[in-house]
């Protein structure tokens, strides 16, 4: 492929995968003069985004100088907020985790409280790594509710009082200067699952079954957010078994009202089901009882899988994924949930759609959100637009 009149940012895109390249290779790949390549390399070296790499193998004589991404050039903050817990990690530009922490954070306490914790924790983690705030180039945040990705503002999130239309990037940038990117937590989990477990698969549905139910969709290698950022919100699709069961969204018969963690816990509690001498009250009780072999809990989780499978069958017909990955707290109940999903998806979908379809438990597990938030932030930080802006700022500073 030939490139004409492109910037240092365009050259960087040939180096960002970490594979070392010589100047001669870059000349061949781009068709540019060696002197032009050297100018672009000088800019990227000054920005610290690339670094020389010694040849691993020499064929005799002086080895050719190679250049590659310098993953330590900047730092990324990745944050995954759940309903009652938050995880935060600092990563390098290759996604390697440098430091991390988790804390009991109640999302319903409001944005100032939760984001205040995030800012303090980022500063603490930077200090622990002996890094400065200027080293932080981007922050990726996942929130458990609908988000308008272009603005970073939550949109009528059901379990997040006080967050609706809150300017998350604006609040954070009062304290930290790094670019802030915000998305729904299931979307970043989809990115994380693909990066961790299925890097060569371009069509994936990631389903999170927990306090709520939602999905992240990657089609042709691209995360699909939809026109208003709520693509994949399958928790509020009506299912046949729901009938007149009310849902917190205001409608009735929603998948979430029948198969999410709180619905299962409530149903088992009303039936008087106990485990280890204690009544089942919350999702973690359902998971523990299921893993412990309590028959009523197993049956409830298996039926939840069938209900989820009912909706996923339509998704399979519309999107034709190669992988459906099941994550979230309810997935910790193990194969019982997946068995219910597979039972319905494989029996009701067209044979061609399921011939090579894998339905599996999330391999990234609890780290999916952190990994995905990092992927989102890194993709922005290393984009041509970002590198162009950094190069322009460097040129302005040098003049």
Protein backbone atom coordinates (compact mmCIF):
# COMPACT_ATOMS: atom_id res chain seq x y z
CA UNK A 1 0.00 0.00 0.00
CA UNK A 2 1.35 3.44 -0.96
CA UNK A 3 0.82 6.57 1.12
CA UNK A 4 1.20 10.05 -0.29
CA UNK A 5 1.63 13.26 1.69
CA UNK A 6 0.85 11.73 5.04
CA UNK A 7 1.95 12.90 8.45
CA UNK A 8 3.92 11.43 11.34
CA UNK A 9 0.56 10.22 12.68
CA UNK A 10 -0.04 8.15 9.55
CA UNK A 11 3.43 6.63 9.81
CA UNK A 12 2.79 5.83 13.45
CA UNK A 13 -0.19 3.68 12.51
CA UNK A 14 2.28 1.31 10.82
CA UNK A 15 4.20 1.01 14.09
CA UNK A 16 1.47 0.96 16.73
CA UNK A 17 1.04 -2.82 16.68
CA UNK A 18 4.50 -3.09 18.27
CA UNK A 19 6.17 -4.91 15.38
CA UNK A 20 9.64 -3.37 14.81
CA UNK A 21 10.25 -1.83 11.38
CA UNK A 22 13.43 -0.57 9.74
CA UNK A 23 13.52 2.69 7.82
CA UNK A 24 13.99 0.70 4.64
CA UNK A 25 10.83 -1.28 5.37
CA UNK A 26 8.89 1.91 6.01
CA UNK A 27 10.16 3.41 2.74
CA UNK A 28 8.98 0.29 0.88
CA UNK A 29 5.60 0.26 2.65
CA UNK A 30 4.85 3.96 2.08
CA UNK A 31 6.69 4.89 -1.10
CA UNK A 32 8.07 7.97 0.65
CA UNK A 33 11.64 9.21 0.41
CA UNK A 34 14.03 8.06 3.13
CA UNK A 35 14.55 11.70 4.19
CA UNK A 36 10.78 12.15 4.67
CA UNK A 37 10.57 8.96 6.71
CA UNK A 38 13.41 10.22 8.90
CA UNK A 39 11.58 13.52 9.56
CA UNK A 40 8.45 11.65 10.60
CA UNK A 41 10.46 9.30 12.81
CA UNK A 42 12.22 12.26 14.46
CA UNK A 43 8.83 13.74 15.39
CA UNK A 44 7.59 10.46 16.87
CA UNK A 45 10.86 9.97 18.77
CA UNK A 46 10.58 13.45 20.25
CA UNK A 47 7.02 12.69 21.32
CA UNK A 48 8.35 9.50 22.91
CA UNK A 49 5.75 7.38 21.09
CA UNK A 50 8.32 5.16 19.39
CA UNK A 51 11.75 3.94 20.39
CA UNK A 52 14.69 2.21 18.70
CA UNK A 53 14.75 -1.58 18.89
CA UNK A 54 17.95 -3.61 18.40
CA UNK A 55 17.81 -6.27 15.71
CA UNK A 56 17.27 -9.71 17.24
CA UNK A 57 19.14 -11.35 14.37
CA UNK A 58 22.08 -9.93 12.47
CA UNK A 59 23.12 -11.22 9.06
CA UNK A 60 26.57 -9.72 9.37
CA UNK A 61 27.80 -6.19 9.45
CA UNK A 62 26.07 -3.35 11.22
CA UNK A 63 22.46 -4.22 12.15
CA UNK A 64 19.68 -2.01 10.75
CA UNK A 65 18.01 0.29 13.26
CA UNK A 66 14.41 -0.67 13.90
CA UNK A 67 11.58 1.40 15.36
CA UNK A 68 8.52 0.27 17.27
CA UNK A 69 5.80 1.55 19.60
CA UNK A 70 7.09 2.63 23.00
CA UNK A 71 4.30 1.31 25.26
CA UNK A 72 5.70 3.17 28.28
CA UNK A 73 5.38 6.57 26.60
CA UNK A 74 2.05 7.39 28.22
CA UNK A 75 -0.39 5.91 30.73
CA UNK A 76 -4.09 5.03 30.39
CA UNK A 77 -6.65 4.92 33.22
CA UNK A 78 -9.38 2.29 32.82
CA UNK A 79 -12.42 2.40 35.11
CA UNK A 80 -15.34 -0.01 35.31
CA UNK A 81 -18.27 1.12 37.47
CA UNK A 82 -20.90 -1.40 38.50
CA UNK A 83 -23.99 -0.93 40.63
CA UNK A 84 -22.14 -1.57 43.89
CA UNK A 85 -18.46 -1.86 43.01
CA UNK A 86 -15.84 -0.14 40.88
CA UNK A 87 -12.53 -1.36 39.49
CA UNK A 88 -9.72 0.90 38.29
CA UNK A 89 -6.44 0.14 36.58
CA UNK A 90 -3.57 2.02 35.02
CA UNK A 91 -2.20 0.46 31.84
CA UNK A 92 0.51 1.24 29.35
CA UNK A 93 -0.18 1.84 25.65
CA UNK A 94 -0.06 -1.89 24.95
CA UNK A 95 -2.78 -2.54 27.53
CA UNK A 96 -0.49 -4.10 30.15
CA UNK A 97 -1.86 -3.44 33.64
CA UNK A 98 0.62 -1.47 35.76
CA UNK A 99 -1.49 -1.07 38.88
CA UNK A 100 -5.08 -1.71 39.89
CA UNK A 101 -7.58 -1.46 42.71
CA UNK A 102 -11.24 -2.20 43.45
CA UNK A 103 -13.62 -0.68 45.96
CA UNK A 104 -17.22 -0.88 47.14
CA UNK A 105 -18.73 2.10 45.33
CA UNK A 106 -22.50 2.64 45.17
CA UNK A 107 -23.38 4.12 41.79
CA UNK A 108 -26.65 5.49 43.23
CA UNK A 109 -24.61 7.78 45.51
CA UNK A 110 -24.29 10.09 42.51
CA UNK A 111 -21.66 11.26 40.04
CA UNK A 112 -19.72 13.62 42.31
CA UNK A 113 -19.16 10.89 44.89
CA UNK A 114 -18.24 8.15 42.41
CA UNK A 115 -16.12 10.27 40.10
CA UNK A 116 -14.47 11.93 43.09
CA UNK A 117 -13.34 8.48 44.22
CA UNK A 118 -12.07 7.81 40.71
CA UNK A 119 -10.00 11.00 40.55
CA UNK A 120 -8.46 10.38 43.99
CA UNK A 121 -7.68 6.77 43.11
CA UNK A 122 -6.06 7.67 39.78
CA UNK A 123 -3.81 10.15 41.54
CA UNK A 124 -2.95 7.59 44.19
CA UNK A 125 -2.11 4.93 41.59
CA UNK A 126 0.01 7.39 39.61
CA UNK A 127 1.94 8.29 42.74
CA UNK A 128 2.46 4.62 43.60
CA UNK A 129 4.02 4.11 40.16
CA UNK A 130 6.05 7.33 40.51
CA UNK A 131 4.29 8.84 37.51
CA UNK A 132 2.99 12.36 36.99
CA UNK A 133 -0.46 13.48 35.92
CA UNK A 134 1.03 14.73 32.65
CA UNK A 135 1.86 11.09 31.80
CA UNK A 136 -1.87 10.26 31.79
CA UNK A 137 -3.14 10.66 28.23
CA UNK A 138 -6.68 9.22 28.37
CA UNK A 139 -9.27 7.81 30.77
CA UNK A 140 -11.76 5.15 29.70
CA UNK A 141 -14.90 4.81 31.86
CA UNK A 142 -17.68 2.23 31.76
CA UNK A 143 -21.01 3.05 33.44
CA UNK A 144 -23.92 0.68 34.20
CA UNK A 145 -26.50 2.52 32.12
CA UNK A 146 -27.14 4.09 28.70
CA UNK A 147 -24.50 6.63 27.65
CA UNK A 148 -24.32 9.07 24.76
CA UNK A 149 -20.77 8.15 23.78
CA UNK A 150 -20.10 11.30 21.74
CA UNK A 151 -20.64 13.53 24.81
CA UNK A 152 -19.92 11.11 27.64
CA UNK A 153 -23.26 11.94 29.27
CA UNK A 154 -25.50 9.20 30.76
CA UNK A 155 -29.02 9.11 29.33
CA UNK A 156 -31.86 8.25 31.74
CA UNK A 157 -29.94 5.44 33.49
CA UNK A 158 -32.45 3.44 35.59
CA UNK A 159 -30.17 2.58 38.53
CA UNK A 160 -28.13 5.82 38.54
CA UNK A 161 -30.11 8.62 40.24
CA UNK A 162 -28.50 12.02 39.69
CA UNK A 163 -26.48 10.90 36.66
CA UNK A 164 -28.93 11.75 33.84
CA UNK A 165 -27.21 14.13 31.37
CA UNK A 166 -24.35 14.68 33.83
CA UNK A 167 -21.22 16.01 32.11
CA UNK A 168 -18.82 13.25 33.13
CA UNK A 169 -15.85 14.44 30.99
CA UNK A 170 -16.37 18.03 32.15
CA UNK A 171 -16.35 17.05 35.82
CA UNK A 172 -13.25 14.90 35.47
CA UNK A 173 -11.40 17.56 33.48
CA UNK A 174 -11.81 19.99 36.38
CA UNK A 175 -9.32 17.72 38.14
CA UNK A 176 -7.37 15.84 35.45
CA UNK A 177 -6.42 17.07 31.97
CA UNK A 178 -6.50 13.71 30.18
CA UNK A 179 -9.14 13.04 27.52
CA UNK A 180 -12.17 11.26 29.02
CA UNK A 181 -14.14 8.64 27.09
CA UNK A 182 -17.34 7.15 28.53
CA UNK A 183 -19.49 4.24 27.40
CA UNK A 184 -22.02 1.72 28.66
CA UNK A 185 -20.35 -0.98 30.76
CA UNK A 186 -21.55 -3.80 28.50
CA UNK A 187 -19.98 -2.16 25.46
CA UNK A 188 -16.58 -1.94 27.11
CA UNK A 189 -16.94 -5.53 28.36
CA UNK A 190 -17.52 -6.61 24.76
CA UNK A 191 -14.31 -4.82 23.73
CA UNK A 192 -12.44 -6.42 26.60
CA UNK A 193 -13.73 -9.91 25.88
CA UNK A 194 -12.77 -9.66 22.22
CA UNK A 195 -9.29 -8.32 23.03
CA UNK A 196 -8.64 -10.96 25.71
CA UNK A 197 -10.22 -14.08 24.26
CA UNK A 198 -11.29 -13.66 20.63
CA UNK A 199 -8.84 -11.23 18.92
CA UNK A 200 -9.36 -12.80 15.49
CA UNK A 201 -13.17 -12.94 15.68
CA UNK A 202 -15.02 -9.98 14.13
CA UNK A 203 -18.62 -10.82 15.02
CA UNK A 204 -19.33 -11.22 18.73
CA UNK A 205 -22.26 -10.67 21.07
CA UNK A 206 -21.25 -10.18 24.69
CA UNK A 207 -24.15 -10.63 27.09
CA UNK A 208 -24.00 -9.42 30.69
CA UNK A 209 -26.46 -11.07 33.06
CA UNK A 210 -26.39 -9.50 36.50
CA UNK A 211 -28.58 -6.93 38.27
CA UNK A 212 -29.66 -6.04 34.74
CA UNK A 213 -29.30 -7.70 31.36
CA UNK A 214 -27.66 -6.09 28.36
CA UNK A 215 -25.39 -6.89 25.46
CA UNK A 216 -22.49 -5.41 23.56
CA UNK A 217 -22.34 -6.03 19.82
CA UNK A 218 -19.19 -6.19 17.73
CA UNK A 219 -20.00 -6.58 14.04
CA UNK A 220 -17.35 -6.72 11.30
CA UNK A 221 -14.81 -5.83 13.97
CA UNK A 222 -16.57 -2.60 14.99
CA UNK A 223 -18.44 -1.95 18.26
CA UNK A 224 -22.02 -1.06 17.37
CA UNK A 225 -23.50 1.70 19.53
CA UNK A 226 -26.49 2.60 17.38
CA UNK A 227 -28.00 6.01 16.68
CA UNK A 228 -28.54 6.95 20.33
CA UNK A 229 -26.00 4.69 22.02
CA UNK A 230 -28.40 1.99 23.24
CA UNK A 231 -27.71 -0.76 20.70
CA UNK A 232 -27.75 -4.10 22.49
CA UNK A 233 -30.20 -3.10 25.23
CA UNK A 234 -31.92 -6.49 25.05
CA UNK A 235 -32.94 -6.51 28.72
CA UNK A 236 -36.09 -4.62 27.81
CA UNK A 237 -37.21 -6.84 24.96
CA UNK A 238 -40.53 -8.51 25.80
CA UNK A 239 -40.53 -12.30 26.12
CA UNK A 240 -43.44 -14.70 25.85
CA UNK A 241 -43.24 -15.92 29.44
CA UNK A 242 -43.26 -12.37 30.84
CA UNK A 243 -46.93 -11.59 30.24
CA UNK A 244 -47.90 -8.86 32.72
CA UNK A 245 -44.80 -8.93 34.96
CA UNK A 246 -43.85 -5.27 35.57
CA UNK A 247 -40.33 -4.04 34.79
CA UNK A 248 -38.50 -1.08 36.33
CA UNK A 249 -38.45 0.54 32.86
CA UNK A 250 -42.22 1.05 33.09
CA UNK A 251 -43.21 -1.67 30.65
CA UNK A 252 -44.09 -5.27 31.42
CA UNK A 253 -42.83 -8.65 30.30
CA UNK A 254 -39.23 -7.54 29.80
CA UNK A 255 -36.44 -10.11 29.76
CA UNK A 256 -34.78 -8.31 32.68
CA UNK A 257 -37.94 -8.54 34.79
CA UNK A 258 -37.91 -12.31 34.35
CA UNK A 259 -34.26 -13.38 34.15
CA UNK A 260 -32.05 -10.78 35.88
CA UNK A 261 -30.55 -11.47 39.31
CA UNK A 262 -33.07 -9.53 41.44
CA UNK A 263 -36.00 -11.23 39.71
CA UNK A 264 -34.56 -14.69 40.38
CA UNK A 265 -33.80 -13.85 44.01
CA UNK A 266 -37.29 -12.49 44.59
CA UNK A 267 -38.93 -15.52 42.99
CA UNK A 268 -36.91 -17.96 45.08
CA UNK A 269 -37.51 -15.95 48.26
CA UNK A 270 -41.28 -15.95 47.70
CA UNK A 271 -41.10 -19.72 47.21
CA UNK A 272 -39.40 -20.02 50.60
CA UNK A 273 -36.18 -21.47 49.16
CA UNK A 274 -33.24 -21.48 51.57
CA UNK A 275 -29.58 -22.35 51.25
CA UNK A 276 -27.30 -23.19 54.17
CA UNK A 277 -30.12 -22.28 56.55
CA UNK A 278 -30.54 -18.77 55.13
CA UNK A 279 -33.27 -17.35 52.93
CA UNK A 280 -32.26 -16.34 49.42
CA UNK A 281 -32.39 -12.56 49.23
CA UNK A 282 -29.91 -11.27 46.63
CA UNK A 283 -28.16 -12.34 43.43
CA UNK A 284 -25.07 -13.64 45.24
CA UNK A 285 -27.35 -15.99 47.22
CA UNK A 286 -28.78 -17.33 43.96
CA UNK A 287 -25.30 -17.98 42.58
CA UNK A 288 -24.13 -19.67 45.80
CA UNK A 289 -27.23 -21.86 45.98
CA UNK A 290 -26.91 -22.87 42.34
CA UNK A 291 -23.25 -23.76 42.69
CA UNK A 292 -24.10 -25.61 45.90
CA UNK A 293 -26.60 -27.87 44.14
CA UNK A 294 -29.89 -26.40 45.43
CA UNK A 295 -32.41 -27.79 42.92
CA UNK A 296 -34.85 -24.85 42.95
CA UNK A 297 -32.01 -22.40 42.30
CA UNK A 298 -30.61 -24.56 39.51
CA UNK A 299 -34.03 -24.72 37.86
CA UNK A 300 -34.49 -20.94 38.16
CA UNK A 301 -31.08 -20.22 36.62
CA UNK A 302 -31.64 -22.76 33.85
CA UNK A 303 -34.98 -21.10 33.02
CA UNK A 304 -33.29 -17.69 33.02
CA UNK A 305 -30.90 -19.09 30.42
CA UNK A 306 -33.84 -20.21 28.30
CA UNK A 307 -35.44 -16.76 28.57
CA UNK A 308 -32.18 -15.10 27.55
CA UNK A 309 -31.83 -17.61 24.73
CA UNK A 310 -35.27 -16.61 23.43
CA UNK A 311 -34.04 -13.08 22.79
CA UNK A 312 -30.60 -14.17 21.61
CA UNK A 313 -32.21 -16.36 18.95
CA UNK A 314 -33.47 -13.22 17.23
CA UNK A 315 -30.04 -11.62 17.63
CA UNK A 316 -28.44 -14.64 15.97
CA UNK A 317 -30.77 -14.32 12.98
CA UNK A 318 -30.16 -10.57 12.64
CA UNK A 319 -26.43 -10.36 13.41
CA UNK A 320 -25.07 -13.87 12.64
CA UNK A 321 -22.31 -13.80 15.29
CA UNK A 322 -19.47 -16.33 15.53
CA UNK A 323 -19.39 -16.09 19.33
CA UNK A 324 -21.89 -15.37 22.09
CA UNK A 325 -19.98 -14.75 25.31
CA UNK A 326 -21.92 -14.75 28.58
CA UNK A 327 -20.59 -12.66 31.47
CA UNK A 328 -21.81 -10.83 34.54
CA UNK A 329 -22.47 -12.04 38.09
CA UNK A 330 -25.18 -14.50 37.09
CA UNK A 331 -22.74 -16.25 34.74
CA UNK A 332 -20.74 -17.24 37.83
CA UNK A 333 -23.52 -19.77 38.47
CA UNK A 334 -21.73 -21.85 35.87
CA UNK A 335 -22.98 -24.14 33.16
CA UNK A 336 -26.65 -24.09 34.24
CA UNK A 337 -27.21 -20.63 32.75
CA UNK A 338 -25.28 -21.47 29.59
CA UNK A 339 -27.14 -24.76 29.20
CA UNK A 340 -30.45 -22.90 29.11
CA UNK A 341 -29.13 -20.40 26.56
CA UNK A 342 -27.72 -23.13 24.32
CA UNK A 343 -30.90 -25.21 24.57
CA UNK A 344 -33.00 -22.47 23.01
CA UNK A 345 -30.49 -20.82 20.66
CA UNK A 346 -29.38 -24.06 19.03
CA UNK A 347 -32.90 -25.47 18.73
CA UNK A 348 -34.64 -22.37 17.38
CA UNK A 349 -32.01 -20.74 15.15
CA UNK A 350 -31.40 -21.65 11.53
CA UNK A 351 -28.82 -24.47 11.23
CA UNK A 352 -26.49 -22.38 9.06
CA UNK A 353 -26.40 -19.63 11.71
CA UNK A 354 -25.41 -22.04 14.48
CA UNK A 355 -23.18 -24.45 12.59
CA UNK A 356 -20.04 -22.67 13.78
CA UNK A 357 -21.56 -20.60 16.61
CA UNK A 358 -19.82 -20.78 19.99
CA UNK A 359 -21.83 -19.99 23.14
CA UNK A 360 -19.37 -19.76 26.02
CA UNK A 361 -18.82 -18.25 29.43
CA UNK A 362 -16.74 -15.07 29.40
CA UNK A 363 -13.05 -15.86 29.45
CA UNK A 364 -12.03 -12.38 30.57
CA UNK A 365 -14.44 -12.68 33.50
CA UNK A 366 -14.39 -9.81 35.97
CA UNK A 367 -11.55 -8.16 34.04
CA UNK A 368 -13.58 -7.68 30.84
CA UNK A 369 -14.66 -4.16 31.76
CA UNK A 370 -11.18 -2.98 32.76
CA UNK A 371 -9.61 -4.43 29.62
CA UNK A 372 -12.31 -2.91 27.44
CA UNK A 373 -12.06 0.54 29.02
CA UNK A 374 -8.33 0.43 28.35
CA UNK A 375 -8.89 -0.66 24.73
CA UNK A 376 -11.34 2.22 24.20
CA UNK A 377 -8.93 4.78 25.64
CA UNK A 378 -5.87 3.41 23.82
CA UNK A 379 -7.69 3.41 20.47
CA UNK A 380 -8.42 7.09 20.98
CA UNK A 381 -4.97 8.00 22.30
CA UNK A 382 -3.17 6.31 19.40
CA UNK A 383 -5.56 7.43 16.66
CA UNK A 384 -4.24 9.54 13.81
CA UNK A 385 -6.24 12.54 15.04
CA UNK A 386 -4.68 12.35 18.52
CA UNK A 387 -1.13 11.91 17.20
CA UNK A 388 -1.66 14.79 14.74
CA UNK A 389 -2.74 17.01 17.65
CA UNK A 390 0.31 16.01 19.69
CA UNK A 391 2.63 16.65 16.74
CA UNK A 392 1.04 20.07 16.12
CA UNK A 393 1.46 21.00 19.79
CA UNK A 394 5.11 19.90 19.65
CA UNK A 395 5.75 21.96 16.52
CA UNK A 396 4.12 25.00 18.13
CA UNK A 397 6.25 24.58 21.24
CA UNK A 398 9.44 24.29 19.17
CA UNK A 399 8.73 27.44 17.15
